[in-house]
Amino acid sequence: MSQKNDRKVFVVDTSVLLYDKNCFDNFQGNDIILPLIVLEELDKFKTREGILGENARYVNRLLDNYREFGSLHDGVRIEEKSISVKVELNQKWDNIQSLDKNDNDNLIISTINYIKDFYENNLITLITKDINLRVKADSLGIQANDYYADYEFIE
């Protein structure tokens, strides 16, 4: 079941959401997937003071508001931003069994490994501020980019 269209799939890491609470605006015209572990990580930041706590709370409220448009499990389409947002809980450990299943970065990688079955591989990009996660993903054949608030994601 491979989807063929011009929309790209961006798997967004916690580091991006904490860095730029409005990051979804920069993915217009594309699909955003949040691995479930990202929500778990966000939850750990919500009680912090300062910008990290503020951004974690903002993103949590934003996702809660998106639920008005449907289920995050199935994917929610936000028409005015031309994005869809989905929380993915499934994982696939084929060909990455040697990775520690208790490591959050590896859980993100296993989620990407799962969604590769549903999208053309070249349409999936991990977006993260975490250098080590980008390097690890690249070594496993997963396209990974840094996030810049002024970066143009649509080619």
Protein backbone atom coordinates (compact mmCIF):
# COMPACT_ATOMS: atom_id res chain seq x y z
CA MET A 1 0.00 0.00 0.00
CA SER A 2 2.31 2.73 -1.24
CA GLN A 3 1.00 6.27 -1.44
CA LYS A 4 1.96 8.18 -4.58
CA ASN A 5 1.57 11.93 -4.54
CA ASP A 6 3.72 15.01 -4.30
CA ARG A 7 3.32 15.39 -0.55
CA LYS A 8 6.32 14.53 1.56
CA VAL A 9 6.28 12.84 4.93
CA PHE A 10 8.19 14.52 7.73
CA VAL A 11 8.79 12.57 10.93
CA VAL A 12 9.30 15.30 13.50
CA ASP A 13 11.39 14.75 16.61
CA THR A 14 10.77 16.27 20.05
CA SER A 15 13.78 18.53 19.69
CA VAL A 16 12.09 20.37 16.81
CA LEU A 17 8.84 20.90 18.72
CA LEU A 18 10.76 22.28 21.69
CA TYR A 19 12.91 24.49 19.47
CA ASP A 20 10.01 25.99 17.46
CA LYS A 21 6.48 25.60 18.80
CA ASN A 22 5.13 26.86 15.45
CA CYS A 23 7.16 24.44 13.35
CA PHE A 24 4.07 22.84 11.78
CA ASP A 25 3.60 26.06 9.80
CA ASN A 26 6.84 25.29 7.94
CA PHE A 27 5.60 21.92 6.70
CA GLN A 28 2.65 23.24 4.67
CA GLY A 29 1.59 21.00 1.82
CA ASN A 30 3.02 17.92 3.50
CA ASP A 31 2.31 15.24 6.07
CA ILE A 32 3.69 15.23 9.60
CA ILE A 33 4.12 12.07 11.63
CA LEU A 34 4.90 12.19 15.32
CA PRO A 35 6.13 8.90 16.80
CA LEU A 36 4.26 8.22 20.03
CA ILE A 37 7.52 8.47 22.00
CA VAL A 38 7.67 12.16 21.00
CA LEU A 39 4.49 12.79 23.01
CA GLU A 40 6.03 10.94 25.94
CA GLU A 41 9.12 13.13 25.73
CA LEU A 42 7.05 16.31 25.42
CA ASP A 43 5.19 15.34 28.57
CA LYS A 44 8.46 15.36 30.52
CA PHE A 45 9.10 18.99 29.54
CA LYS A 46 5.67 20.48 30.23
CA THR A 47 6.39 21.31 33.88
CA ARG A 48 9.70 23.02 33.19
CA GLU A 49 10.05 26.74 33.53
CA GLY A 50 11.24 28.78 30.59
CA ILE A 51 10.96 28.33 26.86
CA LEU A 52 11.16 24.51 26.85
CA GLY A 53 8.22 24.15 29.21
CA GLU A 54 6.28 26.86 27.40
CA ASN A 55 6.82 25.22 24.02
CA ALA A 56 5.93 21.75 25.34
CA ARG A 57 2.66 23.06 26.78
CA TYR A 58 1.87 24.99 23.59
CA VAL A 59 2.40 21.93 21.36
CA ASN A 60 0.30 19.78 23.70
CA ARG A 61 -2.56 22.30 23.50
CA LEU A 62 -2.17 22.57 19.73
CA LEU A 63 -2.40 18.81 19.29
CA ASP A 64 -5.39 18.72 21.61
CA ASN A 65 -7.05 21.39 19.44
CA TYR A 66 -6.28 19.37 16.29
CA ARG A 67 -8.38 16.56 17.74
CA GLU A 68 -11.44 18.67 16.89
CA PHE A 69 -10.76 17.76 13.26
CA GLY A 70 -10.49 14.01 13.85
CA SER A 71 -8.34 11.38 15.44
CA LEU A 72 -4.60 11.87 15.69
CA HIS A 73 -4.36 8.09 15.46
CA ASP A 74 -5.89 8.13 11.99
CA GLY A 75 -4.35 11.45 10.98
CA VAL A 76 -5.92 14.89 11.10
CA ARG A 77 -6.06 17.19 8.09
CA ILE A 78 -5.63 20.88 8.90
CA GLU A 79 -6.95 22.57 5.76
CA GLU A 80 -5.81 26.13 6.44
CA LYS A 81 -2.22 24.91 6.80
CA SER A 82 -2.49 22.18 4.16
CA ILE A 83 -0.94 19.67 6.54
CA SER A 84 -1.93 16.38 8.03
CA VAL A 85 -0.74 15.36 11.48
CA LYS A 86 -0.68 11.77 12.65
CA VAL A 87 0.66 10.15 15.80
CA GLU A 88 2.17 6.77 14.95
CA LEU A 89 2.50 4.14 17.63
CA ASN A 90 3.55 1.19 15.48
CA GLN A 91 7.15 0.10 15.16
CA LYS A 92 9.07 -2.35 13.02
CA TRP A 93 12.40 -3.77 14.18
CA ASP A 94 13.28 -5.75 11.03
CA ASN A 95 16.93 -5.13 10.04
CA ILE A 96 17.52 -2.96 13.14
CA GLN A 97 17.25 -5.67 15.82
CA SER A 98 20.66 -4.76 17.23
CA LEU A 99 19.39 -1.36 18.37
CA ASP A 100 18.45 -0.90 22.02
CA LYS A 101 14.64 -1.02 22.18
CA ASN A 102 14.65 1.11 25.34
CA ASP A 103 16.35 4.08 23.66
CA ASN A 104 13.93 6.82 22.57
CA ASP A 105 15.91 7.67 19.42
CA ASN A 106 15.76 4.01 18.40
CA LEU A 107 12.00 4.00 18.96
CA ILE A 108 11.75 6.89 16.49
CA ILE A 109 13.89 4.95 14.00
CA SER A 110 11.72 1.84 14.41
CA THR A 111 8.63 3.99 13.76
CA ILE A 112 10.18 5.27 10.54
CA ASN A 113 11.06 1.68 9.66
CA TYR A 114 7.36 0.85 10.05
CA ILE A 115 6.00 3.73 7.97
CA LYS A 116 8.40 2.95 5.09
CA ASP A 117 5.93 0.18 4.19
CA PHE A 118 3.25 2.78 3.43
CA TYR A 119 5.16 5.53 1.65
CA GLU A 120 7.82 5.73 -0.99
CA ASN A 121 11.13 5.81 0.87
CA ASN A 122 12.32 9.02 -0.79
CA LEU A 123 9.31 10.90 0.54
CA ILE A 124 10.14 10.23 4.21
CA THR A 125 12.49 12.57 6.06
CA LEU A 126 13.32 12.68 9.75
CA ILE A 127 13.57 16.27 10.99
CA THR A 128 15.55 16.64 14.20
CA LYS A 129 17.87 19.04 16.00
CA ASP A 130 19.62 15.99 17.49
CA ILE A 131 22.92 15.54 15.62
CA ASN A 132 23.49 11.98 16.82
CA LEU A 133 19.99 10.93 15.75
CA ARG A 134 20.60 12.41 12.28
CA VAL A 135 23.89 10.52 11.98
CA LYS A 136 22.36 7.28 13.25
CA ALA A 137 19.39 7.60 10.89
CA ASP A 138 21.65 8.30 7.92
CA SER A 139 23.77 5.24 8.73
CA LEU A 140 20.57 3.18 8.56
CA GLY A 141 19.52 4.61 5.19
CA ILE A 142 16.96 7.04 6.57
CA GLN A 143 16.96 10.57 5.19
CA ALA A 144 17.47 12.99 8.08
CA ASN A 145 17.75 16.77 8.15
CA ASP A 146 18.29 19.47 10.73
CA TYR A 147 15.44 21.90 11.34
CA TYR A 148 15.74 25.63 10.83
CA ALA A 149 12.73 27.87 11.46
CA ASP A 150 13.42 29.73 8.23
CA TYR A 151 14.27 26.62 6.20
CA GLU A 152 12.11 25.96 3.14
CA PHE A 153 10.98 22.32 3.26
CA ILE A 154 8.98 22.29 0.05
CA GLU A 155 11.07 21.88 -3.06
